[in-house]
Amino acid sequence: MALLEFVETPLLLSIMVLSYEKLSLIRWHELTSTKQRIKLLFDAYLQTMFHQELQSRAYGKLKPPRLRQTQQWLSFLAQQLQRESQTEFLIENMQPFRLLTVWQKRLYRLVVGLIEGVILGLTFGLSGGLILGLNVSSGVVSWLIFGMILGLGSGVISGLIFGLAEEIELAESPNWSLKRASEGLVAGLLLGKIGGWVG
């Protein structure tokens, strides 16, 4: 593949522009295969990107990863994308099935199941305890404690048994408007008032 053919591809053109200082044209012409030239181009690109000043707060005072380590991560990511017939990596498309070992998948399901169980158990247990406590004369606090213990126990057990689905579905971004919220509030208050009069 000639240099002109590389320039016709937008991605490769962009990479060439960014890494022209590190790209040796003499070495380019010595190479005969397209695969070798692409490797040379990407090596030059990685060198260029790695020697830029890193303006990221992600690492804080920690040292950023070394070039070799980053190359290994990028290579691993490329293999995963190729295995899944994907062409781009999006953080929102990360799924539990990308975990490599059975141990990682079990640990993931355990942690997520525990978190899910605690949240749901506390929510339903406390609300159930509050409802029962207000309706029974033995006191709200004792029913809240009972509801919390029962909800937490059953929530954790069900969370551990059922865990989380194999694939995470992305929620659509909420389309919230103040006008619709106020209309819903007014309708809810009116219906509640009517229900109170009727009941």
N, C-alpha and C. Protein backbone atom coordinates (compact mmCIF):
# COMPACT_ATOMS: atom_id res chain seq x y z
N MET A 1 0.85 -1.18 0.00
CA MET A 1 0.00 0.00 0.00
C MET A 1 0.89 1.24 0.00
N ALA A 2 0.69 2.10 -0.95
CA ALA A 2 1.51 3.30 -1.08
C ALA A 2 1.05 4.35 -0.07
N LEU A 3 1.91 5.32 0.15
CA LEU A 3 1.62 6.39 1.10
C LEU A 3 0.35 7.15 0.71
N LEU A 4 0.16 7.34 -0.58
CA LEU A 4 -1.02 8.05 -1.08
C LEU A 4 -2.31 7.31 -0.72
N GLU A 5 -2.29 5.99 -0.75
CA GLU A 5 -3.48 5.20 -0.40
C GLU A 5 -3.81 5.33 1.09
N PHE A 6 -2.78 5.46 1.93
CA PHE A 6 -3.01 5.66 3.35
C PHE A 6 -3.70 7.00 3.60
N VAL A 7 -3.29 8.01 2.86
CA VAL A 7 -3.82 9.36 3.04
C VAL A 7 -5.29 9.44 2.65
N GLU A 8 -5.76 8.53 1.82
CA GLU A 8 -7.15 8.54 1.38
C GLU A 8 -8.11 8.05 2.47
N THR A 9 -7.60 7.36 3.47
CA THR A 9 -8.43 6.88 4.57
C THR A 9 -8.42 7.93 5.69
N PRO A 10 -9.58 8.48 6.08
CA PRO A 10 -9.61 9.56 7.06
C PRO A 10 -8.91 9.24 8.38
N LEU A 11 -9.12 8.04 8.91
CA LEU A 11 -8.48 7.69 10.17
C LEU A 11 -6.97 7.69 10.04
N LEU A 12 -6.46 7.01 9.00
CA LEU A 12 -5.01 6.93 8.82
C LEU A 12 -4.42 8.31 8.51
N LEU A 13 -5.14 9.13 7.77
CA LEU A 13 -4.68 10.50 7.49
C LEU A 13 -4.55 11.28 8.79
N SER A 14 -5.55 11.17 9.64
CA SER A 14 -5.51 11.86 10.93
C SER A 14 -4.34 11.38 11.78
N ILE A 15 -4.11 10.08 11.79
CA ILE A 15 -2.99 9.52 12.56
C ILE A 15 -1.67 10.00 11.99
N MET A 16 -1.56 10.05 10.66
CA MET A 16 -0.32 10.52 10.03
C MET A 16 -0.04 11.98 10.36
N VAL A 17 -1.06 12.80 10.33
CA VAL A 17 -0.88 14.22 10.64
C VAL A 17 -0.41 14.39 12.08
N LEU A 18 -0.98 13.63 12.99
CA LEU A 18 -0.61 13.75 14.39
C LEU A 18 0.79 13.20 14.69
N SER A 19 1.23 12.23 13.91
CA SER A 19 2.50 11.56 14.24
C SER A 19 3.60 11.78 13.20
N TYR A 20 3.48 12.82 12.39
CA TYR A 20 4.45 13.02 11.30
C TYR A 20 5.87 13.21 11.81
N GLU A 21 6.05 13.82 12.99
CA GLU A 21 7.40 14.07 13.50
C GLU A 21 8.13 12.77 13.85
N LYS A 22 7.40 11.79 14.32
CA LYS A 22 8.02 10.52 14.73
C LYS A 22 8.06 9.49 13.59
N LEU A 23 7.43 9.80 12.47
CA LEU A 23 7.35 8.84 11.36
C LEU A 23 8.54 9.03 10.42
N SER A 24 9.32 7.97 10.24
CA SER A 24 10.49 8.02 9.37
C SER A 24 10.11 7.56 7.96
N LEU A 25 10.20 8.48 7.00
CA LEU A 25 9.88 8.12 5.61
C LEU A 25 10.90 7.15 5.03
N ILE A 26 12.14 7.25 5.47
CA ILE A 26 13.17 6.31 4.99
C ILE A 26 12.80 4.90 5.43
N ARG A 27 12.45 4.77 6.70
CA ARG A 27 12.05 3.46 7.22
C ARG A 27 10.77 2.98 6.52
N TRP A 28 9.86 3.91 6.23
CA TRP A 28 8.60 3.60 5.54
C TRP A 28 8.87 2.93 4.20
N HIS A 29 9.80 3.51 3.43
CA HIS A 29 10.10 2.98 2.09
C HIS A 29 10.88 1.67 2.14
N GLU A 30 11.57 1.42 3.25
CA GLU A 30 12.28 0.15 3.40
C GLU A 30 11.31 -1.02 3.61
N LEU A 31 10.19 -0.73 4.22
CA LEU A 31 9.21 -1.79 4.51
C LEU A 31 8.45 -2.15 3.24
N THR A 32 8.14 -3.44 3.11
CA THR A 32 7.49 -3.89 1.88
C THR A 32 6.01 -4.23 2.06
N SER A 33 5.64 -4.71 3.23
CA SER A 33 4.24 -5.13 3.40
C SER A 33 3.40 -4.02 4.04
N THR A 34 2.13 -4.06 3.74
CA THR A 34 1.18 -3.09 4.31
C THR A 34 1.10 -3.25 5.82
N LYS A 35 1.14 -4.49 6.28
CA LYS A 35 1.05 -4.76 7.72
C LYS A 35 2.20 -4.09 8.47
N GLN A 36 3.42 -4.19 7.91
CA GLN A 36 4.59 -3.57 8.55
C GLN A 36 4.45 -2.05 8.57
N ARG A 37 3.94 -1.49 7.49
CA ARG A 37 3.79 -0.03 7.41
C ARG A 37 2.72 0.47 8.40
N ILE A 38 1.64 -0.28 8.52
CA ILE A 38 0.61 0.12 9.49
C ILE A 38 1.17 0.04 10.90
N LYS A 39 1.95 -1.00 11.18
CA LYS A 39 2.57 -1.12 12.50
C LYS A 39 3.50 0.06 12.77
N LEU A 40 4.31 0.43 11.78
CA LEU A 40 5.22 1.58 11.92
C LEU A 40 4.42 2.86 12.19
N LEU A 41 3.33 3.03 11.45
CA LEU A 41 2.48 4.21 11.62
C LEU A 41 1.87 4.27 13.02
N PHE A 42 1.34 3.16 13.48
CA PHE A 42 0.73 3.15 14.81
C PHE A 42 1.77 3.28 15.92
N ASP A 43 2.95 2.71 15.73
CA ASP A 43 4.02 2.90 16.72
C ASP A 43 4.41 4.37 16.83
N ALA A 44 4.52 5.04 15.68
CA ALA A 44 4.84 6.47 15.68
C ALA A 44 3.72 7.27 16.35
N TYR A 45 2.49 6.88 16.08
CA TYR A 45 1.34 7.56 16.68
C TYR A 45 1.35 7.40 18.20
N LEU A 46 1.59 6.16 18.67
CA LEU A 46 1.64 5.93 20.12
C LEU A 46 2.77 6.71 20.78
N GLN A 47 3.93 6.75 20.12
CA GLN A 47 5.05 7.53 20.66
C GLN A 47 4.67 9.01 20.78
N THR A 48 4.03 9.53 19.74
CA THR A 48 3.62 10.94 19.75
C THR A 48 2.62 11.20 20.86
N MET A 49 1.62 10.36 20.97
CA MET A 49 0.58 10.56 21.98
C MET A 49 1.15 10.40 23.39
N PHE A 50 2.12 9.51 23.53
CA PHE A 50 2.66 9.27 24.86
C PHE A 50 3.58 10.38 25.34
N HIS A 51 4.15 11.11 24.43
CA HIS A 51 5.05 12.18 24.83
C HIS A 51 4.36 13.53 24.92
N GLN A 52 3.05 13.55 24.75
CA GLN A 52 2.30 14.78 24.96
C GLN A 52 2.14 15.01 26.46
N GLU A 53 1.97 16.27 26.81
CA GLU A 53 1.73 16.60 28.21
C GLU A 53 0.34 16.10 28.60
N LEU A 54 0.27 15.32 29.65
CA LEU A 54 -0.99 14.74 30.09
C LEU A 54 -1.71 15.72 30.99
N GLN A 55 -2.84 16.24 30.52
CA GLN A 55 -3.64 17.20 31.28
C GLN A 55 -4.87 16.49 31.83
N SER A 56 -4.65 15.50 32.66
CA SER A 56 -5.77 14.72 33.17
C SER A 56 -5.74 14.70 34.69
N ARG A 57 -6.91 14.86 35.29
CA ARG A 57 -7.01 14.75 36.74
C ARG A 57 -7.26 13.30 37.16
N ALA A 58 -7.40 12.41 36.19
CA ALA A 58 -7.72 11.02 36.49
C ALA A 58 -6.62 10.35 37.30
N TYR A 59 -5.38 10.70 37.04
CA TYR A 59 -4.27 10.06 37.74
C TYR A 59 -3.88 10.80 39.01
N GLY A 60 -4.23 12.06 39.11
CA GLY A 60 -3.87 12.84 40.29
C GLY A 60 -2.37 12.85 40.48
N LYS A 61 -1.92 12.38 41.64
CA LYS A 61 -0.48 12.34 41.92
C LYS A 61 0.15 11.02 41.51
N LEU A 62 -0.66 10.09 41.03
CA LEU A 62 -0.13 8.80 40.59
C LEU A 62 0.58 8.94 39.26
N LYS A 63 1.50 8.02 39.01
CA LYS A 63 2.19 8.02 37.72
C LYS A 63 1.27 7.44 36.66
N PRO A 64 1.20 8.07 35.48
CA PRO A 64 0.39 7.48 34.41
C PRO A 64 1.01 6.16 33.94
N PRO A 65 0.25 5.31 33.29
CA PRO A 65 0.78 4.01 32.86
C PRO A 65 1.91 4.17 31.84
N ARG A 66 2.78 3.17 31.82
CA ARG A 66 3.90 3.19 30.88
C ARG A 66 3.42 2.83 29.48
N LEU A 67 4.24 3.15 28.49
CA LEU A 67 3.89 2.90 27.09
C LEU A 67 3.62 1.42 26.85
N ARG A 68 4.47 0.57 27.35
CA ARG A 68 4.31 -0.87 27.13
C ARG A 68 2.99 -1.38 27.72
N GLN A 69 2.68 -0.91 28.92
CA GLN A 69 1.45 -1.32 29.58
C GLN A 69 0.23 -0.84 28.78
N THR A 70 0.28 0.38 28.28
CA THR A 70 -0.82 0.92 27.48
C THR A 70 -0.97 0.14 26.18
N GLN A 71 0.14 -0.23 25.56
CA GLN A 71 0.07 -1.03 24.33
C GLN A 71 -0.59 -2.38 24.59
N GLN A 72 -0.27 -2.98 25.73
CA GLN A 72 -0.89 -4.26 26.08
C GLN A 72 -2.40 -4.10 26.27
N TRP A 73 -2.80 -3.03 26.96
CA TRP A 73 -4.23 -2.79 27.18
C TRP A 73 -4.95 -2.55 25.85
N LEU A 74 -4.34 -1.73 25.00
CA LEU A 74 -4.97 -1.44 23.70
C LEU A 74 -5.06 -2.70 22.84
N SER A 75 -4.03 -3.53 22.90
CA SER A 75 -4.03 -4.78 22.15
C SER A 75 -5.14 -5.71 22.66
N PHE A 76 -5.26 -5.81 23.98
CA PHE A 76 -6.32 -6.63 24.58
C PHE A 76 -7.69 -6.11 24.17
N LEU A 77 -7.87 -4.80 24.23
CA LEU A 77 -9.15 -4.20 23.86
C LEU A 77 -9.47 -4.46 22.40
N ALA A 78 -8.47 -4.35 21.54
CA ALA A 78 -8.67 -4.61 20.10
C ALA A 78 -9.07 -6.07 19.87
N GLN A 79 -8.45 -6.99 20.60
CA GLN A 79 -8.80 -8.41 20.47
C GLN A 79 -10.25 -8.66 20.89
N GLN A 80 -10.67 -8.00 21.98
CA GLN A 80 -12.05 -8.16 22.44
C GLN A 80 -13.04 -7.60 21.42
N LEU A 81 -12.72 -6.45 20.86
CA LEU A 81 -13.60 -5.85 19.86
C LEU A 81 -13.68 -6.72 18.62
N GLN A 82 -12.54 -7.28 18.22
CA GLN A 82 -12.52 -8.15 17.05
C GLN A 82 -13.32 -9.42 17.31
N ARG A 83 -13.21 -9.97 18.50
CA ARG A 83 -13.95 -11.18 18.87
C ARG A 83 -15.46 -10.94 18.81
N GLU A 84 -15.88 -9.72 19.15
CA GLU A 84 -17.30 -9.37 19.16
C GLU A 84 -17.75 -8.70 17.86
N SER A 85 -16.87 -8.65 16.88
CA SER A 85 -17.16 -8.02 15.58
C SER A 85 -17.58 -6.56 15.75
N GLN A 86 -16.90 -5.86 16.63
CA GLN A 86 -17.17 -4.44 16.87
C GLN A 86 -16.05 -3.60 16.24
N THR A 87 -16.38 -2.37 15.89
CA THR A 87 -15.36 -1.49 15.31
C THR A 87 -15.03 -0.32 16.21
N GLU A 88 -15.85 -0.05 17.20
CA GLU A 88 -15.55 1.05 18.12
C GLU A 88 -15.87 0.64 19.55
N PHE A 89 -15.09 1.21 20.47
CA PHE A 89 -15.26 0.91 21.89
C PHE A 89 -16.01 2.06 22.53
N LEU A 90 -17.14 1.75 23.14
CA LEU A 90 -17.91 2.75 23.86
C LEU A 90 -18.05 2.28 25.31
N ILE A 91 -17.75 3.15 26.23
CA ILE A 91 -17.79 2.78 27.64
C ILE A 91 -19.19 2.34 28.06
N GLU A 92 -20.23 2.92 27.42
CA GLU A 92 -21.59 2.55 27.79
C GLU A 92 -21.99 1.18 27.27
N ASN A 93 -21.18 0.58 26.43
CA ASN A 93 -21.48 -0.77 25.93
C ASN A 93 -20.74 -1.87 26.69
N MET A 94 -20.07 -1.50 27.77
CA MET A 94 -19.37 -2.53 28.55
C MET A 94 -20.40 -3.44 29.20
N GLN A 95 -20.19 -4.73 29.10
CA GLN A 95 -21.14 -5.71 29.60
C GLN A 95 -20.42 -6.73 30.48
N PRO A 96 -21.15 -7.38 31.40
CA PRO A 96 -20.53 -8.38 32.27
C PRO A 96 -19.91 -9.55 31.52
N PHE A 97 -20.41 -9.89 30.34
CA PHE A 97 -19.84 -11.03 29.63
C PHE A 97 -18.42 -10.76 29.14
N ARG A 98 -17.96 -9.53 29.20
CA ARG A 98 -16.59 -9.21 28.82
C ARG A 98 -15.58 -9.62 29.88
N LEU A 99 -16.05 -9.95 31.07
CA LEU A 99 -15.14 -10.45 32.09
C LEU A 99 -14.59 -11.78 31.61
N LEU A 100 -13.31 -12.01 31.88
CA LEU A 100 -12.63 -13.14 31.26
C LEU A 100 -12.81 -14.46 32.00
N THR A 101 -12.66 -14.43 33.31
CA THR A 101 -12.66 -15.70 34.04
C THR A 101 -14.00 -15.93 34.73
N VAL A 102 -14.26 -17.17 35.06
CA VAL A 102 -15.48 -17.53 35.79
C VAL A 102 -15.48 -16.86 37.15
N TRP A 103 -14.30 -16.77 37.78
CA TRP A 103 -14.17 -16.14 39.09
C TRP A 103 -14.58 -14.67 39.02
N GLN A 104 -14.14 -13.95 37.99
CA GLN A 104 -14.51 -12.53 37.84
C GLN A 104 -16.01 -12.38 37.66
N LYS A 105 -16.61 -13.26 36.88
CA LYS A 105 -18.06 -13.19 36.65
C LYS A 105 -18.83 -13.49 37.93
N ARG A 106 -18.37 -14.46 38.71
CA ARG A 106 -19.05 -14.79 39.97
C ARG A 106 -18.91 -13.65 40.97
N LEU A 107 -17.72 -13.07 41.05
CA LEU A 107 -17.51 -11.94 41.96
C LEU A 107 -18.39 -10.76 41.57
N TYR A 108 -18.49 -10.50 40.29
CA TYR A 108 -19.34 -9.42 39.80
C TYR A 108 -20.79 -9.66 40.20
N ARG A 109 -21.29 -10.87 39.97
CA ARG A 109 -22.68 -11.19 40.29
C ARG A 109 -22.92 -11.11 41.81
N LEU A 110 -21.93 -11.54 42.60
CA LEU A 110 -22.06 -11.49 44.05
C LEU A 110 -22.17 -10.05 44.53
N VAL A 111 -21.25 -9.20 44.09
CA VAL A 111 -21.24 -7.80 44.54
C VAL A 111 -22.50 -7.07 44.09
N VAL A 112 -22.86 -7.22 42.83
CA VAL A 112 -24.05 -6.53 42.32
C VAL A 112 -25.31 -7.08 42.98
N GLY A 113 -25.36 -8.39 43.19
CA GLY A 113 -26.51 -8.99 43.86
C GLY A 113 -26.66 -8.48 45.29
N LEU A 114 -25.53 -8.35 46.00
CA LEU A 114 -25.58 -7.81 47.37
C LEU A 114 -26.07 -6.37 47.38
N ILE A 115 -25.52 -5.55 46.50
CA ILE A 115 -25.92 -4.14 46.44
C ILE A 115 -27.40 -4.03 46.09
N GLU A 116 -27.81 -4.77 45.08
CA GLU A 116 -29.21 -4.76 44.65
C GLU A 116 -30.13 -5.23 45.78
N GLY A 117 -29.73 -6.29 46.46
CA GLY A 117 -30.55 -6.83 47.55
C GLY A 117 -30.66 -5.87 48.72
N VAL A 118 -29.56 -5.21 49.08
CA VAL A 118 -29.58 -4.27 50.19
C VAL A 118 -30.50 -3.09 49.86
N ILE A 119 -30.35 -2.54 48.66
CA ILE A 119 -31.17 -1.37 48.29
C ILE A 119 -32.65 -1.74 48.25
N LEU A 120 -32.99 -2.80 47.53
CA LEU A 120 -34.40 -3.19 47.43
C LEU A 120 -34.96 -3.66 48.77
N GLY A 121 -34.16 -4.42 49.51
CA GLY A 121 -34.62 -4.92 50.81
C GLY A 121 -34.90 -3.80 51.79
N LEU A 122 -33.99 -2.83 51.87
CA LEU A 122 -34.22 -1.70 52.77
C LEU A 122 -35.42 -0.87 52.33
N THR A 123 -35.53 -0.65 51.03
CA THR A 123 -36.64 0.16 50.53
C THR A 123 -37.98 -0.47 50.87
N PHE A 124 -38.16 -1.73 50.48
CA PHE A 124 -39.45 -2.39 50.71
C PHE A 124 -39.65 -2.76 52.18
N GLY A 125 -38.58 -3.13 52.85
CA GLY A 125 -38.70 -3.49 54.27
C GLY A 125 -39.09 -2.31 55.13
N LEU A 126 -38.43 -1.17 54.92
CA LEU A 126 -38.76 0.01 55.72
C LEU A 126 -40.15 0.55 55.39
N SER A 127 -40.50 0.57 54.10
CA SER A 127 -41.83 1.07 53.75
C SER A 127 -42.91 0.12 54.28
N GLY A 128 -42.69 -1.18 54.19
CA GLY A 128 -43.65 -2.15 54.74
C GLY A 128 -43.75 -2.03 56.25
N GLY A 129 -42.62 -1.86 56.92
CA GLY A 129 -42.62 -1.69 58.37
C GLY A 129 -43.33 -0.42 58.79
N LEU A 130 -43.16 0.64 58.03
CA LEU A 130 -43.83 1.91 58.33
C LEU A 130 -45.34 1.77 58.17
N ILE A 131 -45.76 1.13 57.08
CA ILE A 131 -47.20 0.94 56.84
C ILE A 131 -47.82 0.09 57.95
N LEU A 132 -47.16 -1.02 58.31
CA LEU A 132 -47.69 -1.87 59.38
C LEU A 132 -47.65 -1.16 60.73
N GLY A 133 -46.59 -0.39 60.96
CA GLY A 133 -46.46 0.32 62.23
C GLY A 133 -47.52 1.37 62.43
N LEU A 134 -47.94 2.01 61.36
CA LEU A 134 -48.99 3.03 61.47
C LEU A 134 -50.37 2.41 61.66
N ASN A 135 -50.53 1.18 61.20
CA ASN A 135 -51.84 0.52 61.29
C ASN A 135 -52.01 -0.34 62.54
N VAL A 136 -50.92 -0.70 63.20
CA VAL A 136 -50.98 -1.58 64.37
C VAL A 136 -50.58 -0.75 65.60
N SER A 137 -51.19 -1.02 66.71
CA SER A 137 -50.97 -0.20 67.91
C SER A 137 -49.65 -0.47 68.63
N SER A 138 -48.88 -1.48 68.23
CA SER A 138 -47.67 -1.82 68.97
C SER A 138 -46.50 -0.87 68.71
N GLY A 139 -46.64 0.11 67.84
CA GLY A 139 -45.59 1.11 67.67
C GLY A 139 -44.89 1.04 66.33
N VAL A 140 -44.54 2.21 65.87
CA VAL A 140 -43.93 2.34 64.55
C VAL A 140 -42.50 1.83 64.56
N VAL A 141 -41.75 2.15 65.62
CA VAL A 141 -40.32 1.82 65.66
C VAL A 141 -40.08 0.32 65.59
N SER A 142 -40.85 -0.44 66.35
CA SER A 142 -40.63 -1.89 66.34
C SER A 142 -40.96 -2.49 64.97
N TRP A 143 -42.00 -1.96 64.31
CA TRP A 143 -42.35 -2.46 62.98
C TRP A 143 -41.32 -2.02 61.94
N LEU A 144 -40.75 -0.82 62.12
CA LEU A 144 -39.69 -0.38 61.20
C LEU A 144 -38.47 -1.29 61.32
N ILE A 145 -38.10 -1.62 62.55
CA ILE A 145 -36.95 -2.51 62.76
C ILE A 145 -37.25 -3.89 62.18
N PHE A 146 -38.45 -4.41 62.45
CA PHE A 146 -38.84 -5.71 61.90
C PHE A 146 -38.82 -5.68 60.37
N GLY A 147 -39.41 -4.63 59.78
CA GLY A 147 -39.44 -4.50 58.32
C GLY A 147 -38.04 -4.38 57.73
N MET A 148 -37.16 -3.64 58.43
CA MET A 148 -35.80 -3.47 57.94
C MET A 148 -35.06 -4.81 57.96
N ILE A 149 -35.17 -5.54 59.05
CA ILE A 149 -34.48 -6.83 59.15
C ILE A 149 -35.03 -7.82 58.13
N LEU A 150 -36.35 -7.91 58.04
CA LEU A 150 -36.97 -8.84 57.09
C LEU A 150 -36.64 -8.44 55.65
N GLY A 151 -36.77 -7.16 55.34
CA GLY A 151 -36.49 -6.68 53.98
C GLY A 151 -35.03 -6.85 53.61
N LEU A 152 -34.14 -6.52 54.54
CA LEU A 152 -32.71 -6.66 54.27
C LEU A 152 -32.33 -8.11 54.06
N GLY A 153 -32.83 -8.99 54.92
CA GLY A 153 -32.53 -10.41 54.78
C GLY A 153 -33.05 -10.99 53.48
N SER A 154 -34.33 -10.74 53.20
CA SER A 154 -34.90 -11.29 51.96
C SER A 154 -34.30 -10.63 50.72
N GLY A 155 -33.99 -9.34 50.81
CA GLY A 155 -33.39 -8.65 49.67
C GLY A 155 -32.01 -9.18 49.34
N VAL A 156 -31.19 -9.39 50.36
CA VAL A 156 -29.84 -9.91 50.13
C VAL A 156 -29.91 -11.33 49.58
N ILE A 157 -30.77 -12.16 50.15
CA ILE A 157 -30.89 -13.54 49.67
C ILE A 157 -31.37 -13.57 48.22
N SER A 158 -32.42 -12.81 47.91
CA SER A 158 -32.90 -12.81 46.52
C SER A 158 -31.88 -12.18 45.58
N GLY A 159 -31.16 -11.16 46.05
CA GLY A 159 -30.12 -10.57 45.22
C GLY A 159 -29.01 -11.55 44.91
N LEU A 160 -28.63 -12.36 45.91
CA LEU A 160 -27.58 -13.35 45.69
C LEU A 160 -28.06 -14.49 44.80
N ILE A 161 -29.31 -14.88 44.95
CA ILE A 161 -29.83 -15.99 44.15
C ILE A 161 -30.01 -15.56 42.69
N PHE A 162 -30.66 -14.44 42.50
CA PHE A 162 -31.00 -14.02 41.14
C PHE A 162 -29.92 -13.16 40.50
N GLY A 163 -29.13 -12.48 41.32
CA GLY A 163 -28.04 -11.67 40.78
C GLY A 163 -28.52 -10.64 39.79
N LEU A 164 -27.72 -10.46 38.77
CA LEU A 164 -28.03 -9.46 37.75
C LEU A 164 -28.06 -10.13 36.40
N ALA A 165 -28.78 -9.58 35.49
CA ALA A 165 -28.87 -10.13 34.13
C ALA A 165 -27.50 -10.13 33.47
N GLU A 166 -27.32 -11.01 32.49
CA GLU A 166 -26.05 -11.10 31.77
C GLU A 166 -25.73 -9.84 30.98
N GLU A 167 -26.76 -9.12 30.57
CA GLU A 167 -26.54 -7.93 29.76
C GLU A 167 -27.22 -6.74 30.40
N ILE A 168 -26.52 -5.64 30.46
CA ILE A 168 -27.06 -4.43 31.06
C ILE A 168 -27.73 -3.61 29.97
N GLU A 169 -28.97 -3.25 30.20
CA GLU A 169 -29.70 -2.41 29.25
C GLU A 169 -29.51 -0.95 29.64
N LEU A 170 -29.16 -0.13 28.68
CA LEU A 170 -29.00 1.29 28.95
C LEU A 170 -30.37 1.95 29.04
N ALA A 171 -30.52 2.79 30.04
CA ALA A 171 -31.76 3.54 30.17
C ALA A 171 -31.68 4.76 29.26
N GLU A 172 -32.79 5.09 28.67
CA GLU A 172 -32.83 6.30 27.85
C GLU A 172 -32.63 7.51 28.76
N SER A 173 -32.03 8.55 28.23
CA SER A 173 -31.85 9.75 29.04
C SER A 173 -33.23 10.34 29.34
N PRO A 174 -33.44 10.73 30.60
CA PRO A 174 -34.76 11.22 30.97
C PRO A 174 -35.10 12.51 30.24
N ASN A 175 -36.34 12.59 29.81
CA ASN A 175 -36.82 13.78 29.13
C ASN A 175 -37.75 14.49 30.10
N TRP A 176 -37.17 15.26 31.01
CA TRP A 176 -37.89 15.85 32.11
C TRP A 176 -38.28 17.28 31.75
N SER A 177 -39.52 17.65 32.08
CA SER A 177 -39.91 19.03 31.87
C SER A 177 -40.70 19.51 33.09
N LEU A 178 -40.48 20.74 33.46
CA LEU A 178 -41.14 21.32 34.62
C LEU A 178 -42.65 21.41 34.40
N LYS A 179 -43.05 21.71 33.17
CA LYS A 179 -44.47 21.83 32.86
C LYS A 179 -45.19 20.50 33.08
N ARG A 180 -44.61 19.40 32.54
CA ARG A 180 -45.25 18.09 32.70
C ARG A 180 -45.24 17.65 34.16
N ALA A 181 -44.16 17.99 34.89
CA ALA A 181 -44.09 17.62 36.31
C ALA A 181 -45.16 18.35 37.10
N SER A 182 -45.35 19.64 36.84
CA SER A 182 -46.38 20.40 37.57
C SER A 182 -47.78 19.92 37.20
N GLU A 183 -48.00 19.57 35.93
CA GLU A 183 -49.30 19.02 35.52
C GLU A 183 -49.57 17.70 36.24
N GLY A 184 -48.55 16.85 36.34
CA GLY A 184 -48.70 15.58 37.04
C GLY A 184 -48.95 15.77 38.52
N LEU A 185 -48.31 16.78 39.13
CA LEU A 185 -48.50 17.07 40.54
C LEU A 185 -49.93 17.52 40.80
N VAL A 186 -50.41 18.44 39.97
CA VAL A 186 -51.78 18.94 40.13
C VAL A 186 -52.79 17.80 39.95
N ALA A 187 -52.59 16.97 38.91
CA ALA A 187 -53.51 15.85 38.67
C ALA A 187 -53.47 14.87 39.85
N GLY A 188 -52.30 14.60 40.37
CA GLY A 188 -52.17 13.69 41.51
C GLY A 188 -52.85 14.24 42.75
N LEU A 189 -52.69 15.54 43.01
CA LEU A 189 -53.34 16.15 44.18
C LEU A 189 -54.86 16.12 44.04
N LEU A 190 -55.35 16.42 42.84
CA LEU A 190 -56.80 16.40 42.61
C LEU A 190 -57.37 14.99 42.79
N LEU A 191 -56.70 14.01 42.17
CA LEU A 191 -57.18 12.63 42.29
C LEU A 191 -57.10 12.14 43.74
N GLY A 192 -56.05 12.54 44.44
CA GLY A 192 -55.92 12.16 45.85
C GLY A 192 -57.03 12.77 46.70
N LYS A 193 -57.34 14.03 46.44
CA LYS A 193 -58.41 14.71 47.18
C LYS A 193 -59.76 14.05 46.90
N ILE A 194 -60.02 13.77 45.60
CA ILE A 194 -61.28 13.10 45.23
C ILE A 194 -61.36 11.72 45.87
N GLY A 195 -60.23 10.99 45.84
CA GLY A 195 -60.20 9.67 46.47
C GLY A 195 -60.45 9.75 47.96
N GLY A 196 -59.94 10.79 48.61
CA GLY A 196 -60.17 10.99 50.04
C GLY A 196 -61.63 11.27 50.35
N TRP A 197 -62.30 12.05 49.51
CA TRP A 197 -63.72 12.36 49.72
C TRP A 197 -64.59 11.13 49.50
N VAL A 198 -64.25 10.37 48.43
CA VAL A 198 -65.06 9.20 48.10
C VAL A 198 -64.87 8.11 49.15
N GLY A 199 -63.60 7.88 49.54
CA GLY A 199 -63.30 6.78 50.46
C GLY A 199 -63.66 7.17 51.83
